[in-house]
Amino acid sequence: MVEGKFATTVTCMDGRIQLPLAKWIKENYLVDYVDTITEPGMDKKIADNADLEHVKTKVKISINAHKSSLIVVSGHSDCAGNPVSDKEHIYQIKKGVEVISSWGLGVSVIGAWVDSSWDVSIV
């Protein structure tokens, strides 16, 4: 049996955001571990709600196997996989929260923005 509290992040593959995002989630949501599901420009992919079965499958594994109780949809500044304005990223993150919430997973879903200084904030 897995021990410890888990959260899950659905985020960009960019390695620069992984540590700041995981640290922020651990500190603000009092979890021990953060499962990370990545794709380039993930905020756009989730917001577009297209071809997400593989993402949904991974989120369900995190929830079922690790008892993750929080999903964090995030995006970041200077994203090579989704080179849009910060404002557009934030819109996509909010839309992504709606999309994942609509899956009826029974867990909390929030959005987080990682800015150009690698600081994280809720959106």
PDB file of N, CA and C in Angstrom:
ATOM      1  N   MET A   1       0.839  -1.192   0.000  1.00  0.00           N
ATOM      2  CA  MET A   1       0.000   0.000   0.000  1.00  0.00           C
ATOM      3  C   MET A   1       0.881   1.251   0.000  1.00  0.00           C
ATOM      4  N   VAL A   2       0.517   2.222  -0.791  1.00  0.00           N
ATOM      5  CA  VAL A   2       1.265   3.459  -0.890  1.00  0.00           C
ATOM      6  C   VAL A   2       1.013   4.299   0.360  1.00  0.00           C
ATOM      7  N   GLU A   3       2.080   4.837   0.912  1.00  0.00           N
ATOM      8  CA  GLU A   3       1.950   5.698   2.084  1.00  0.00           C
ATOM      9  C   GLU A   3       2.272   7.130   1.698  1.00  0.00           C
ATOM     10  N   GLY A   4       1.697   8.076   2.424  1.00  0.00           N
ATOM     11  CA  GLY A   4       1.914   9.483   2.160  1.00  0.00           C
ATOM     12  C   GLY A   4       0.752  10.070   1.388  1.00  0.00           C
ATOM     13  N   LYS A   5       0.685  11.396   1.404  1.00  0.00           N
ATOM     14  CA  LYS A   5      -0.382  12.108   0.699  1.00  0.00           C
ATOM     15  C   LYS A   5       0.135  12.575  -0.651  1.00  0.00           C
ATOM     16  N   PHE A   6      -0.716  12.416  -1.667  1.00  0.00           N
ATOM     17  CA  PHE A   6      -0.346  12.760  -3.038  1.00  0.00           C
ATOM     18  C   PHE A   6      -1.238  13.856  -3.614  1.00  0.00           C
ATOM     19  N   ALA A   7      -0.651  14.622  -4.514  1.00  0.00           N
ATOM     20  CA  ALA A   7      -1.369  15.504  -5.429  1.00  0.00           C
ATOM     21  C   ALA A   7      -0.865  15.141  -6.822  1.00  0.00           C
ATOM     22  N   THR A   8      -1.546  15.640  -7.836  1.00  0.00           N
ATOM     23  CA  THR A   8      -1.170  15.363  -9.217  1.00  0.00           C
ATOM     24  C   THR A   8      -1.099  16.669  -9.978  1.00  0.00           C
ATOM     25  N   THR A   9      -0.058  16.854 -10.759  1.00  0.00           N
ATOM     26  CA  THR A   9       0.015  18.019 -11.621  1.00  0.00           C
ATOM     27  C   THR A   9      -0.058  17.575 -13.080  1.00  0.00           C
ATOM     28  N   VAL A  10      -0.855  18.303 -13.835  1.00  0.00           N
ATOM     29  CA  VAL A  10      -1.003  18.100 -15.273  1.00  0.00           C
ATOM     30  C   VAL A  10      -0.393  19.350 -15.881  1.00  0.00           C
ATOM     31  N   THR A  11       0.798  19.202 -16.455  1.00  0.00           N
ATOM     32  CA  THR A  11       1.619  20.373 -16.731  1.00  0.00           C
ATOM     33  C   THR A  11       2.495  20.197 -17.964  1.00  0.00           C
ATOM     34  N   CYS A  12       3.211  21.234 -18.289  1.00  0.00           N
ATOM     35  CA  CYS A  12       4.163  21.207 -19.397  1.00  0.00           C
ATOM     36  C   CYS A  12       5.372  20.350 -19.028  1.00  0.00           C
ATOM     37  N   MET A  13       6.003  19.791 -20.042  1.00  0.00           N
ATOM     38  CA  MET A  13       7.178  18.957 -19.820  1.00  0.00           C
ATOM     39  C   MET A  13       8.435  19.754 -19.459  1.00  0.00           C
ATOM     40  N   ASP A  14       8.390  21.070 -19.607  1.00  0.00           N
ATOM     41  CA  ASP A  14       9.558  21.925 -19.370  1.00  0.00           C
ATOM     42  C   ASP A  14      10.129  21.689 -17.964  1.00  0.00           C
ATOM     43  N   GLY A  15      11.338  21.202 -17.899  1.00  0.00           N
ATOM     44  CA  GLY A  15      11.979  20.866 -16.635  1.00  0.00           C
ATOM     45  C   GLY A  15      12.176  22.034 -15.690  1.00  0.00           C
ATOM     46  N   ARG A  16      12.154  23.249 -16.216  1.00  0.00           N
ATOM     47  CA  ARG A  16      12.359  24.421 -15.350  1.00  0.00           C
ATOM     48  C   ARG A  16      11.220  24.621 -14.367  1.00  0.00           C
ATOM     49  N   ILE A  17      10.034  24.129 -14.686  1.00  0.00           N
ATOM     50  CA  ILE A  17       8.902  24.390 -13.790  1.00  0.00           C
ATOM     51  C   ILE A  17       8.614  23.248 -12.824  1.00  0.00           C
ATOM     52  N   GLN A  18       9.216  22.094 -13.033  1.00  0.00           N
ATOM     53  CA  GLN A  18       8.873  20.926 -12.225  1.00  0.00           C
ATOM     54  C   GLN A  18       9.153  21.128 -10.728  1.00  0.00           C
ATOM     55  N   LEU A  19      10.356  21.549 -10.382  1.00  0.00           N
ATOM     56  CA  LEU A  19      10.683  21.723  -8.958  1.00  0.00           C
ATOM     57  C   LEU A  19       9.911  22.861  -8.301  1.00  0.00           C
ATOM     58  N   PRO A  20       9.851  24.061  -8.918  1.00  0.00           N
ATOM     59  CA  PRO A  20       9.068  25.116  -8.263  1.00  0.00           C
ATOM     60  C   PRO A  20       7.603  24.745  -8.086  1.00  0.00           C
ATOM     61  N   LEU A  21       7.021  24.069  -9.058  1.00  0.00           N
ATOM     62  CA  LEU A  21       5.618  23.688  -8.983  1.00  0.00           C
ATOM     63  C   LEU A  21       5.395  22.633  -7.891  1.00  0.00           C
ATOM     64  N   ALA A  22       6.231  21.601  -7.870  1.00  0.00           N
ATOM     65  CA  ALA A  22       6.089  20.554  -6.850  1.00  0.00           C
ATOM     66  C   ALA A  22       6.298  21.128  -5.454  1.00  0.00           C
ATOM     67  N   LYS A  23       7.283  21.989  -5.298  1.00  0.00           N
ATOM     68  CA  LYS A  23       7.545  22.606  -3.991  1.00  0.00           C
ATOM     69  C   LYS A  23       6.332  23.417  -3.532  1.00  0.00           C
ATOM     70  N   TRP A  24       5.764  24.207  -4.429  1.00  0.00           N
ATOM     71  CA  TRP A  24       4.598  25.039  -4.107  1.00  0.00           C
ATOM     72  C   TRP A  24       3.406  24.167  -3.718  1.00  0.00           C
ATOM     73  N   ILE A  25       3.174  23.110  -4.462  1.00  0.00           N
ATOM     74  CA  ILE A  25       2.049  22.224  -4.157  1.00  0.00           C
ATOM     75  C   ILE A  25       2.256  21.582  -2.785  1.00  0.00           C
ATOM     76  N   LYS A  26       3.448  21.067  -2.519  1.00  0.00           N
ATOM     77  CA  LYS A  26       3.728  20.428  -1.233  1.00  0.00           C
ATOM     78  C   LYS A  26       3.527  21.399  -0.073  1.00  0.00           C
ATOM     79  N   GLU A  27       4.022  22.620  -0.231  1.00  0.00           N
ATOM     80  CA  GLU A  27       3.929  23.608   0.844  1.00  0.00           C
ATOM     81  C   GLU A  27       2.504  24.105   1.067  1.00  0.00           C
ATOM     82  N   ASN A  28       1.754  24.289   0.003  1.00  0.00           N
ATOM     83  CA  ASN A  28       0.423  24.890   0.117  1.00  0.00           C
ATOM     84  C   ASN A  28      -0.703  23.884   0.310  1.00  0.00           C
ATOM     85  N   TYR A  29      -0.473  22.627  -0.021  1.00  0.00           N
ATOM     86  CA  TYR A  29      -1.532  21.626   0.086  1.00  0.00           C
ATOM     87  C   TYR A  29      -1.138  20.452   0.982  1.00  0.00           C
ATOM     88  N   LEU A  30      -0.021  20.604   1.659  1.00  0.00           N
ATOM     89  CA  LEU A  30       0.431  19.646   2.661  1.00  0.00           C
ATOM     90  C   LEU A  30       0.399  18.195   2.168  1.00  0.00           C
ATOM     91  N   VAL A  31       1.024  18.000   1.018  1.00  0.00           N
ATOM     92  CA  VAL A  31       1.176  16.653   0.488  1.00  0.00           C
ATOM     93  C   VAL A  31       2.647  16.263   0.533  1.00  0.00           C
ATOM     94  N   ASP A  32       2.889  14.955   0.478  1.00  0.00           N
ATOM     95  CA  ASP A  32       4.255  14.437   0.522  1.00  0.00           C
ATOM     96  C   ASP A  32       4.855  14.262  -0.872  1.00  0.00           C
ATOM     97  N   TYR A  33       3.993  13.949  -1.843  1.00  0.00           N
ATOM     98  CA  TYR A  33       4.459  13.629  -3.190  1.00  0.00           C
ATOM     99  C   TYR A  33       3.563  14.280  -4.237  1.00  0.00           C
ATOM    100  N   VAL A  34       4.164  14.543  -5.396  1.00  0.00           N
ATOM    101  CA  VAL A  34       3.400  15.106  -6.512  1.00  0.00           C
ATOM    102  C   VAL A  34       3.632  14.232  -7.744  1.00  0.00           C
ATOM    103  N   ASP A  35       2.577  13.546  -8.175  1.00  0.00           N
ATOM    104  CA  ASP A  35       2.639  12.825  -9.441  1.00  0.00           C
ATOM    105  C   ASP A  35       2.597  13.857 -10.559  1.00  0.00           C
ATOM    106  N   THR A  36       3.410  13.660 -11.593  1.00  0.00           N
ATOM    107  CA  THR A  36       3.529  14.653 -12.655  1.00  0.00           C
ATOM    108  C   THR A  36       3.202  14.033 -14.012  1.00  0.00           C
ATOM    109  N   ILE A  37       2.190  14.593 -14.663  1.00  0.00           N
ATOM    110  CA  ILE A  37       1.774  14.153 -15.993  1.00  0.00           C
ATOM    111  C   ILE A  37       2.113  15.303 -16.943  1.00  0.00           C
ATOM    112  N   THR A  38       2.972  15.050 -17.916  1.00  0.00           N
ATOM    113  CA  THR A  38       3.478  16.137 -18.747  1.00  0.00           C
ATOM    114  C   THR A  38       3.276  15.903 -20.239  1.00  0.00           C
ATOM    115  N   GLU A  39       3.173  17.015 -20.927  1.00  0.00           N
ATOM    116  CA  GLU A  39       3.175  17.109 -22.396  1.00  0.00           C
ATOM    117  C   GLU A  39       3.668  18.521 -22.709  1.00  0.00           C
ATOM    118  N   PRO A  40       4.269  18.746 -23.848  1.00  0.00           N
ATOM    119  CA  PRO A  40       4.619  20.116 -24.220  1.00  0.00           C
ATOM    120  C   PRO A  40       3.342  20.944 -24.365  1.00  0.00           C
ATOM    121  N   GLY A  41       3.310  22.115 -23.757  1.00  0.00           N
ATOM    122  CA  GLY A  41       2.144  22.995 -23.873  1.00  0.00           C
ATOM    123  C   GLY A  41       0.866  22.364 -23.354  1.00  0.00           C
ATOM    124  N   MET A  42       0.943  21.673 -22.233  1.00  0.00           N
ATOM    125  CA  MET A  42      -0.210  20.932 -21.700  1.00  0.00           C
ATOM    126  C   MET A  42      -1.430  21.805 -21.471  1.00  0.00           C
ATOM    127  N   ASP A  43      -1.255  23.058 -21.047  1.00  0.00           N
ATOM    128  CA  ASP A  43      -2.427  23.904 -20.784  1.00  0.00           C
ATOM    129  C   ASP A  43      -3.282  24.056 -22.034  1.00  0.00           C
ATOM    130  N   LYS A  44      -2.660  24.220 -23.193  1.00  0.00           N
ATOM    131  CA  LYS A  44      -3.412  24.328 -24.449  1.00  0.00           C
ATOM    132  C   LYS A  44      -4.104  23.014 -24.789  1.00  0.00           C
ATOM    133  N   LYS A  45      -3.412  21.908 -24.643  1.00  0.00           N
ATOM    134  CA  LYS A  45      -3.998  20.603 -24.960  1.00  0.00           C
ATOM    135  C   LYS A  45      -5.241  20.340 -24.120  1.00  0.00           C
ATOM    136  N   ILE A  46      -5.155  20.627 -22.827  1.00  0.00           N
ATOM    137  CA  ILE A  46      -6.300  20.396 -21.945  1.00  0.00           C
ATOM    138  C   ILE A  46      -7.435  21.360 -22.298  1.00  0.00           C
ATOM    139  N   ALA A  47      -7.107  22.632 -22.502  1.00  0.00           N
ATOM    140  CA  ALA A  47      -8.143  23.623 -22.834  1.00  0.00           C
ATOM    141  C   ALA A  47      -8.859  23.268 -24.135  1.00  0.00           C
ATOM    142  N   ASP A  48      -8.133  22.726 -25.103  1.00  0.00           N
ATOM    143  CA  ASP A  48      -8.731  22.344 -26.384  1.00  0.00           C
ATOM    144  C   ASP A  48      -9.587  21.081 -26.262  1.00  0.00           C
ATOM    145  N   ASN A  49      -9.418  20.347 -25.170  1.00  0.00           N
ATOM    146  CA  ASN A  49     -10.239  19.165 -24.870  1.00  0.00           C
ATOM    147  C   ASN A  49     -10.259  18.168 -26.028  1.00  0.00           C
ATOM    148  N   ALA A  50      -9.109  17.948 -26.622  1.00  0.00           N
ATOM    149  CA  ALA A  50      -9.024  17.019 -27.750  1.00  0.00           C
ATOM    150  C   ALA A  50      -7.979  15.942 -27.464  1.00  0.00           C
ATOM    151  N   ASP A  51      -8.324  14.699 -27.740  1.00  0.00           N
ATOM    152  CA  ASP A  51      -7.393  13.581 -27.607  1.00  0.00           C
ATOM    153  C   ASP A  51      -6.762  13.521 -26.213  1.00  0.00           C
ATOM    154  N   LEU A  52      -7.614  13.470 -25.193  1.00  0.00           N
ATOM    155  CA  LEU A  52      -7.126  13.508 -23.816  1.00  0.00           C
ATOM    156  C   LEU A  52      -7.255  12.172 -23.080  1.00  0.00           C
ATOM    157  N   GLU A  53      -7.645  11.115 -23.761  1.00  0.00           N
ATOM    158  CA  GLU A  53      -7.838   9.840 -23.071  1.00  0.00           C
ATOM    159  C   GLU A  53      -6.570   9.371 -22.361  1.00  0.00           C
ATOM    160  N   HIS A  54      -5.408   9.563 -22.993  1.00  0.00           N
ATOM    161  CA  HIS A  54      -4.155   9.136 -22.359  1.00  0.00           C
ATOM    162  C   HIS A  54      -3.867   9.951 -21.098  1.00  0.00           C
ATOM    163  N   VAL A  55      -4.215  11.224 -21.096  1.00  0.00           N
ATOM    164  CA  VAL A  55      -4.038  12.066 -19.915  1.00  0.00           C
ATOM    165  C   VAL A  55      -5.015  11.629 -18.827  1.00  0.00           C
ATOM    166  N   LYS A  56      -6.256  11.429 -19.206  1.00  0.00           N
ATOM    167  CA  LYS A  56      -7.284  11.001 -18.256  1.00  0.00           C
ATOM    168  C   LYS A  56      -6.904   9.668 -17.604  1.00  0.00           C
ATOM    169  N   THR A  57      -6.381   8.741 -18.392  1.00  0.00           N
ATOM    170  CA  THR A  57      -5.950   7.442 -17.870  1.00  0.00           C
ATOM    171  C   THR A  57      -4.869   7.622 -16.805  1.00  0.00           C
ATOM    172  N   LYS A  58      -3.911   8.487 -17.072  1.00  0.00           N
ATOM    173  CA  LYS A  58      -2.817   8.733 -16.114  1.00  0.00           C
ATOM    174  C   LYS A  58      -3.327   9.420 -14.849  1.00  0.00           C
ATOM    175  N   VAL A  59      -4.239  10.366 -14.995  1.00  0.00           N
ATOM    176  CA  VAL A  59      -4.829  11.033 -13.832  1.00  0.00           C
ATOM    177  C   VAL A  59      -5.566  10.016 -12.970  1.00  0.00           C
ATOM    178  N   LYS A  60      -6.305   9.129 -13.603  1.00  0.00           N
ATOM    179  CA  LYS A  60      -7.044   8.102 -12.854  1.00  0.00           C
ATOM    180  C   LYS A  60      -6.099   7.148 -12.119  1.00  0.00           C
ATOM    181  N   ILE A  61      -4.975   6.818 -12.717  1.00  0.00           N
ATOM    182  CA  ILE A  61      -3.982   5.975 -12.033  1.00  0.00           C
ATOM    183  C   ILE A  61      -3.495   6.689 -10.775  1.00  0.00           C
ATOM    184  N   SER A  62      -3.192   7.971 -10.891  1.00  0.00           N
ATOM    185  CA  SER A  62      -2.730   8.739  -9.733  1.00  0.00           C
ATOM    186  C   SER A  62      -3.781   8.759  -8.625  1.00  0.00           C
ATOM    187  N   ILE A  63      -5.032   8.948  -9.012  1.00  0.00           N
ATOM    188  CA  ILE A  63      -6.122   8.989  -8.029  1.00  0.00           C
ATOM    189  C   ILE A  63      -6.344   7.606  -7.415  1.00  0.00           C
ATOM    190  N   ASN A  64      -6.421   6.580  -8.247  1.00  0.00           N
ATOM    191  CA  ASN A  64      -6.751   5.241  -7.754  1.00  0.00           C
ATOM    192  C   ASN A  64      -5.590   4.556  -7.027  1.00  0.00           C
ATOM    193  N   ALA A  65      -4.384   4.668  -7.551  1.00  0.00           N
ATOM    194  CA  ALA A  65      -3.245   3.973  -6.949  1.00  0.00           C
ATOM    195  C   ALA A  65      -2.602   4.753  -5.805  1.00  0.00           C
ATOM    196  N   HIS A  66      -2.561   6.082  -5.948  1.00  0.00           N
ATOM    197  CA  HIS A  66      -1.888   6.911  -4.948  1.00  0.00           C
ATOM    198  C   HIS A  66      -2.835   7.710  -4.082  1.00  0.00           C
ATOM    199  N   LYS A  67      -4.129   7.609  -4.357  1.00  0.00           N
ATOM    200  CA  LYS A  67      -5.154   8.339  -3.599  1.00  0.00           C
ATOM    201  C   LYS A  67      -4.935   9.855  -3.676  1.00  0.00           C
ATOM    202  N   SER A  68      -4.449  10.314  -4.823  1.00  0.00           N
ATOM    203  CA  SER A  68      -4.288  11.751  -5.027  1.00  0.00           C
ATOM    204  C   SER A  68      -5.642  12.430  -4.849  1.00  0.00           C
ATOM    205  N   SER A  69      -5.650  13.529  -4.110  1.00  0.00           N
ATOM    206  CA  SER A  69      -6.910  14.236  -3.832  1.00  0.00           C
ATOM    207  C   SER A  69      -6.948  15.624  -4.462  1.00  0.00           C
ATOM    208  N   LEU A  70      -5.913  15.968  -5.207  1.00  0.00           N
ATOM    209  CA  LEU A  70      -5.824  17.291  -5.827  1.00  0.00           C
ATOM    210  C   LEU A  70      -5.176  17.171  -7.195  1.00  0.00           C
ATOM    211  N   ILE A  71      -5.806  17.789  -8.196  1.00  0.00           N
ATOM    212  CA  ILE A  71      -5.233  17.889  -9.543  1.00  0.00           C
ATOM    213  C   ILE A  71      -4.914  19.365  -9.776  1.00  0.00           C
ATOM    214  N   VAL A  72      -3.678  19.650 -10.177  1.00  0.00           N
ATOM    215  CA  VAL A  72      -3.258  21.015 -10.471  1.00  0.00           C
ATOM    216  C   VAL A  72      -2.958  21.110 -11.965  1.00  0.00           C
ATOM    217  N   VAL A  73      -3.744  21.921 -12.663  1.00  0.00           N
ATOM    218  CA  VAL A  73      -3.525  22.200 -14.082  1.00  0.00           C
ATOM    219  C   VAL A  73      -2.645  23.441 -14.136  1.00  0.00           C
ATOM    220  N   SER A  74      -1.538  23.377 -14.858  1.00  0.00           N
ATOM    221  CA  SER A  74      -0.650  24.541 -14.854  1.00  0.00           C
ATOM    222  C   SER A  74      -0.087  24.846 -16.230  1.00  0.00           C
ATOM    223  N   GLY A  75       0.426  26.051 -16.324  1.00  0.00           N
ATOM    224  CA  GLY A  75       1.128  26.531 -17.502  1.00  0.00           C
ATOM    225  C   GLY A  75       2.201  27.487 -17.035  1.00  0.00           C
ATOM    226  N   HIS A  76       3.053  27.895 -17.972  1.00  0.00           N
ATOM    227  CA  HIS A  76       4.170  28.745 -17.555  1.00  0.00           C
ATOM    228  C   HIS A  76       4.586  29.732 -18.641  1.00  0.00           C
ATOM    229  N   SER A  77       5.261  30.745 -18.195  1.00  0.00           N
ATOM    230  CA  SER A  77       5.817  31.760 -19.079  1.00  0.00           C
ATOM    231  C   SER A  77       6.917  31.136 -19.939  1.00  0.00           C
ATOM    232  N   ASP A  78       7.136  31.680 -21.122  1.00  0.00           N
ATOM    233  CA  ASP A  78       8.215  31.247 -22.011  1.00  0.00           C
ATOM    234  C   ASP A  78       8.087  29.777 -22.402  1.00  0.00           C
ATOM    235  N   CYS A  79       6.875  29.358 -22.722  1.00  0.00           N
ATOM    236  CA  CYS A  79       6.612  27.964 -23.069  1.00  0.00           C
ATOM    237  C   CYS A  79       6.873  27.732 -24.562  1.00  0.00           C
ATOM    238  N   ALA A  80       7.814  26.845 -24.869  1.00  0.00           N
ATOM    239  CA  ALA A  80       8.128  26.535 -26.262  1.00  0.00           C
ATOM    240  C   ALA A  80       7.010  25.724 -26.924  1.00  0.00           C
ATOM    241  N   GLY A  81       6.300  24.918 -26.152  1.00  0.00           N
ATOM    242  CA  GLY A  81       5.242  24.081 -26.705  1.00  0.00           C
ATOM    243  C   GLY A  81       3.924  24.806 -26.912  1.00  0.00           C
ATOM    244  N   ASN A  82       3.812  25.992 -26.319  1.00  0.00           N
ATOM    245  CA  ASN A  82       2.591  26.795 -26.429  1.00  0.00           C
ATOM    246  C   ASN A  82       2.995  28.270 -26.327  1.00  0.00           C
ATOM    247  N   PRO A  83       3.603  28.807 -27.376  1.00  0.00           N
ATOM    248  CA  PRO A  83       4.154  30.173 -27.324  1.00  0.00           C
ATOM    249  C   PRO A  83       3.090  31.261 -27.507  1.00  0.00           C
ATOM    250  N   VAL A  84       2.287  31.449 -26.447  1.00  0.00           N
ATOM    251  CA  VAL A  84       1.244  32.475 -26.457  1.00  0.00           C
ATOM    252  C   VAL A  84       1.498  33.445 -25.302  1.00  0.00           C
ATOM    253  N   SER A  85       0.685  34.486 -25.237  1.00  0.00           N
ATOM    254  CA  SER A  85       0.838  35.476 -24.167  1.00  0.00           C
ATOM    255  C   SER A  85       0.514  34.854 -22.804  1.00  0.00           C
ATOM    256  N   ASP A  86       1.014  35.502 -21.749  1.00  0.00           N
ATOM    257  CA  ASP A  86       0.702  35.055 -20.394  1.00  0.00           C
ATOM    258  C   ASP A  86      -0.810  35.056 -20.178  1.00  0.00           C
ATOM    259  N   LYS A  87      -1.478  36.077 -20.696  1.00  0.00           N
ATOM    260  CA  LYS A  87      -2.932  36.182 -20.558  1.00  0.00           C
ATOM    261  C   LYS A  87      -3.634  34.984 -21.190  1.00  0.00           C
ATOM    262  N   GLU A  88      -3.170  34.564 -22.364  1.00  0.00           N
ATOM    263  CA  GLU A  88      -3.760  33.410 -23.036  1.00  0.00           C
ATOM    264  C   GLU A  88      -3.492  32.126 -22.246  1.00  0.00           C
ATOM    265  N   HIS A  89      -2.274  31.983 -21.704  1.00  0.00           N
ATOM    266  CA  HIS A  89      -1.979  30.819 -20.856  1.00  0.00           C
ATOM    267  C   HIS A  89      -2.949  30.741 -19.683  1.00  0.00           C
ATOM    268  N   ILE A  90      -3.156  31.860 -19.023  1.00  0.00           N
ATOM    269  CA  ILE A  90      -4.021  31.875 -17.846  1.00  0.00           C
ATOM    270  C   ILE A  90      -5.455  31.508 -18.234  1.00  0.00           C
ATOM    271  N   TYR A  91      -5.917  32.006 -19.377  1.00  0.00           N
ATOM    272  CA  TYR A  91      -7.239  31.617 -19.881  1.00  0.00           C
ATOM    273  C   TYR A  91      -7.285  30.092 -20.096  1.00  0.00           C
ATOM    274  N   GLN A  92      -6.244  29.544 -20.741  1.00  0.00           N
ATOM    275  CA  GLN A  92      -6.201  28.115 -21.031  1.00  0.00           C
ATOM    276  C   GLN A  92      -6.163  27.275 -19.746  1.00  0.00           C
ATOM    277  N   ILE A  93      -5.443  27.743 -18.744  1.00  0.00           N
ATOM    278  CA  ILE A  93      -5.389  27.028 -17.466  1.00  0.00           C
ATOM    279  C   ILE A  93      -6.780  26.977 -16.850  1.00  0.00           C
ATOM    280  N   LYS A  94      -7.471  28.117 -16.834  1.00  0.00           N
ATOM    281  CA  LYS A  94      -8.829  28.154 -16.265  1.00  0.00           C
ATOM    282  C   LYS A  94      -9.765  27.231 -17.038  1.00  0.00           C
ATOM    283  N   LYS A  95      -9.653  27.235 -18.341  1.00  0.00           N
ATOM    284  CA  LYS A  95     -10.463  26.340 -19.177  1.00  0.00           C
ATOM    285  C   LYS A  95     -10.101  24.878 -18.894  1.00  0.00           C
ATOM    286  N   GLY A  96      -8.819  24.610 -18.715  1.00  0.00           N
ATOM    287  CA  GLY A  96      -8.356  23.268 -18.394  1.00  0.00           C
ATOM    288  C   GLY A  96      -8.911  22.754 -17.076  1.00  0.00           C
ATOM    289  N   VAL A  97      -9.024  23.638 -16.091  1.00  0.00           N
ATOM    290  CA  VAL A  97      -9.630  23.272 -14.812  1.00  0.00           C
ATOM    291  C   VAL A  97     -11.078  22.848 -15.044  1.00  0.00           C
ATOM    292  N   GLU A  98     -11.792  23.598 -15.882  1.00  0.00           N
ATOM    293  CA  GLU A  98     -13.184  23.239 -16.205  1.00  0.00           C
ATOM    294  C   GLU A  98     -13.256  21.869 -16.882  1.00  0.00           C
ATOM    295  N   VAL A  99     -12.355  21.632 -17.828  1.00  0.00           N
ATOM    296  CA  VAL A  99     -12.364  20.366 -18.568  1.00  0.00           C
ATOM    297  C   VAL A  99     -12.117  19.195 -17.618  1.00  0.00           C
ATOM    298  N   ILE A 100     -11.066  19.261 -16.823  1.00  0.00           N
ATOM    299  CA  ILE A 100     -10.751  18.146 -15.929  1.00  0.00           C
ATOM    300  C   ILE A 100     -11.819  17.999 -14.850  1.00  0.00           C
ATOM    301  N   SER A 101     -12.367  19.099 -14.364  1.00  0.00           N
ATOM    302  CA  SER A 101     -13.462  19.022 -13.389  1.00  0.00           C
ATOM    303  C   SER A 101     -14.661  18.285 -13.976  1.00  0.00           C
ATOM    304  N   SER A 102     -14.881  18.448 -15.274  1.00  0.00           N
ATOM    305  CA  SER A 102     -16.030  17.810 -15.926  1.00  0.00           C
ATOM    306  C   SER A 102     -15.884  16.289 -16.011  1.00  0.00           C
ATOM    307  N   TRP A 103     -14.706  15.756 -15.744  1.00  0.00           N
ATOM    308  CA  TRP A 103     -14.485  14.319 -15.795  1.00  0.00           C
ATOM    309  C   TRP A 103     -15.117  13.600 -14.601  1.00  0.00           C
ATOM    310  N   GLY A 104     -15.545  14.352 -13.583  1.00  0.00           N
ATOM    311  CA  GLY A 104     -16.216  13.755 -12.435  1.00  0.00           C
ATOM    312  C   GLY A 104     -15.348  12.800 -11.636  1.00  0.00           C
ATOM    313  N   LEU A 105     -14.140  13.201 -11.354  1.00  0.00           N
ATOM    314  CA  LEU A 105     -13.181  12.334 -10.667  1.00  0.00           C
ATOM    315  C   LEU A 105     -13.317  12.335  -9.150  1.00  0.00           C
ATOM    316  N   GLY A 106     -14.087  13.266  -8.611  1.00  0.00           N
ATOM    317  CA  GLY A 106     -14.290  13.308  -7.171  1.00  0.00           C
ATOM    318  C   GLY A 106     -13.133  13.878  -6.381  1.00  0.00           C
ATOM    319  N   VAL A 107     -12.290  14.672  -7.032  1.00  0.00           N
ATOM    320  CA  VAL A 107     -11.166  15.326  -6.357  1.00  0.00           C
ATOM    321  C   VAL A 107     -11.187  16.816  -6.690  1.00  0.00           C
ATOM    322  N   SER A 108     -10.445  17.594  -5.933  1.00  0.00           N
ATOM    323  CA  SER A 108     -10.331  19.031  -6.211  1.00  0.00           C
ATOM    324  C   SER A 108      -9.450  19.247  -7.434  1.00  0.00           C
ATOM    325  N   VAL A 109      -9.809  20.245  -8.235  1.00  0.00           N
ATOM    326  CA  VAL A 109      -9.030  20.607  -9.416  1.00  0.00           C
ATOM    327  C   VAL A 109      -8.805  22.113  -9.353  1.00  0.00           C
ATOM    328  N   ILE A 110      -7.543  22.528  -9.411  1.00  0.00           N
ATOM    329  CA  ILE A 110      -7.211  23.952  -9.384  1.00  0.00           C
ATOM    330  C   ILE A 110      -6.254  24.275 -10.524  1.00  0.00           C
ATOM    331  N   GLY A 111      -6.079  25.576 -10.783  1.00  0.00           N
ATOM    332  CA  GLY A 111      -5.134  26.033 -11.786  1.00  0.00           C
ATOM    333  C   GLY A 111      -3.997  26.796 -11.146  1.00  0.00           C
ATOM    334  N   ALA A 112      -2.805  26.661 -11.721  1.00  0.00           N
ATOM    335  CA  ALA A 112      -1.636  27.372 -11.214  1.00  0.00           C
ATOM    336  C   ALA A 112      -0.828  27.938 -12.383  1.00  0.00           C
ATOM    337  N   TRP A 113      -0.315  29.135 -12.186  1.00  0.00           N
ATOM    338  CA  TRP A 113       0.512  29.819 -13.182  1.00  0.00           C
ATOM    339  C   TRP A 113       1.926  29.919 -12.645  1.00  0.00           C
ATOM    340  N   VAL A 114       2.916  29.590 -13.485  1.00  0.00           N
ATOM    341  CA  VAL A 114       4.326  29.721 -13.131  1.00  0.00           C
ATOM    342  C   VAL A 114       4.883  30.862 -13.982  1.00  0.00           C
ATOM    343  N   ASP A 115       5.247  31.966 -13.315  1.00  0.00           N
ATOM    344  CA  ASP A 115       5.662  33.160 -14.056  1.00  0.00           C
ATOM    345  C   ASP A 115       7.134  33.107 -14.464  1.00  0.00           C
ATOM    346  N   SER A 116       7.612  34.178 -15.076  1.00  0.00           N
ATOM    347  CA  SER A 116       8.975  34.214 -15.604  1.00  0.00           C
ATOM    348  C   SER A 116      10.050  34.160 -14.526  1.00  0.00           C
ATOM    349  N   SER A 117       9.675  34.385 -13.278  1.00  0.00           N
ATOM    350  CA  SER A 117      10.611  34.259 -12.154  1.00  0.00           C
ATOM    351  C   SER A 117      10.492  32.896 -11.482  1.00  0.00           C
ATOM    352  N   TRP A 118       9.666  32.024 -12.043  1.00  0.00           N
ATOM    353  CA  TRP A 118       9.401  30.671 -11.545  1.00  0.00           C
ATOM    354  C   TRP A 118       8.623  30.691 -10.225  1.00  0.00           C
ATOM    355  N   ASP A 119       7.902  31.780  -9.985  1.00  0.00           N
ATOM    356  CA  ASP A 119       7.001  31.870  -8.847  1.00  0.00           C
ATOM    357  C   ASP A 119       5.640  31.315  -9.270  1.00  0.00           C
ATOM    358  N   VAL A 120       4.971  30.651  -8.368  1.00  0.00           N
ATOM    359  CA  VAL A 120       3.713  29.985  -8.663  1.00  0.00           C
ATOM    360  C   VAL A 120       2.565  30.705  -7.959  1.00  0.00           C
ATOM    361  N   SER A 121       1.454  30.853  -8.666  1.00  0.00           N
ATOM    362  CA  SER A 121       0.262  31.449  -8.063  1.00  0.00           C
ATOM    363  C   SER A 121      -0.981  30.744  -8.606  1.00  0.00           C
ATOM    364  N   ILE A 122      -2.025  30.778  -7.801  1.00  0.00           N
ATOM    365  CA  ILE A 122      -3.312  30.186  -8.210  1.00  0.00           C
ATOM    366  C   ILE A 122      -3.982  31.103  -9.230  1.00  0.00           C
ATOM    367  N   VAL A 123      -4.628  30.499 -10.212  1.00  0.00           N
ATOM    368  CA  VAL A 123      -5.424  31.284 -11.172  1.00  0.00           C
ATOM    369  C   VAL A 123      -6.847  30.777 -11.172  1.00  0.00           C
TER     370      VAL A 123
END
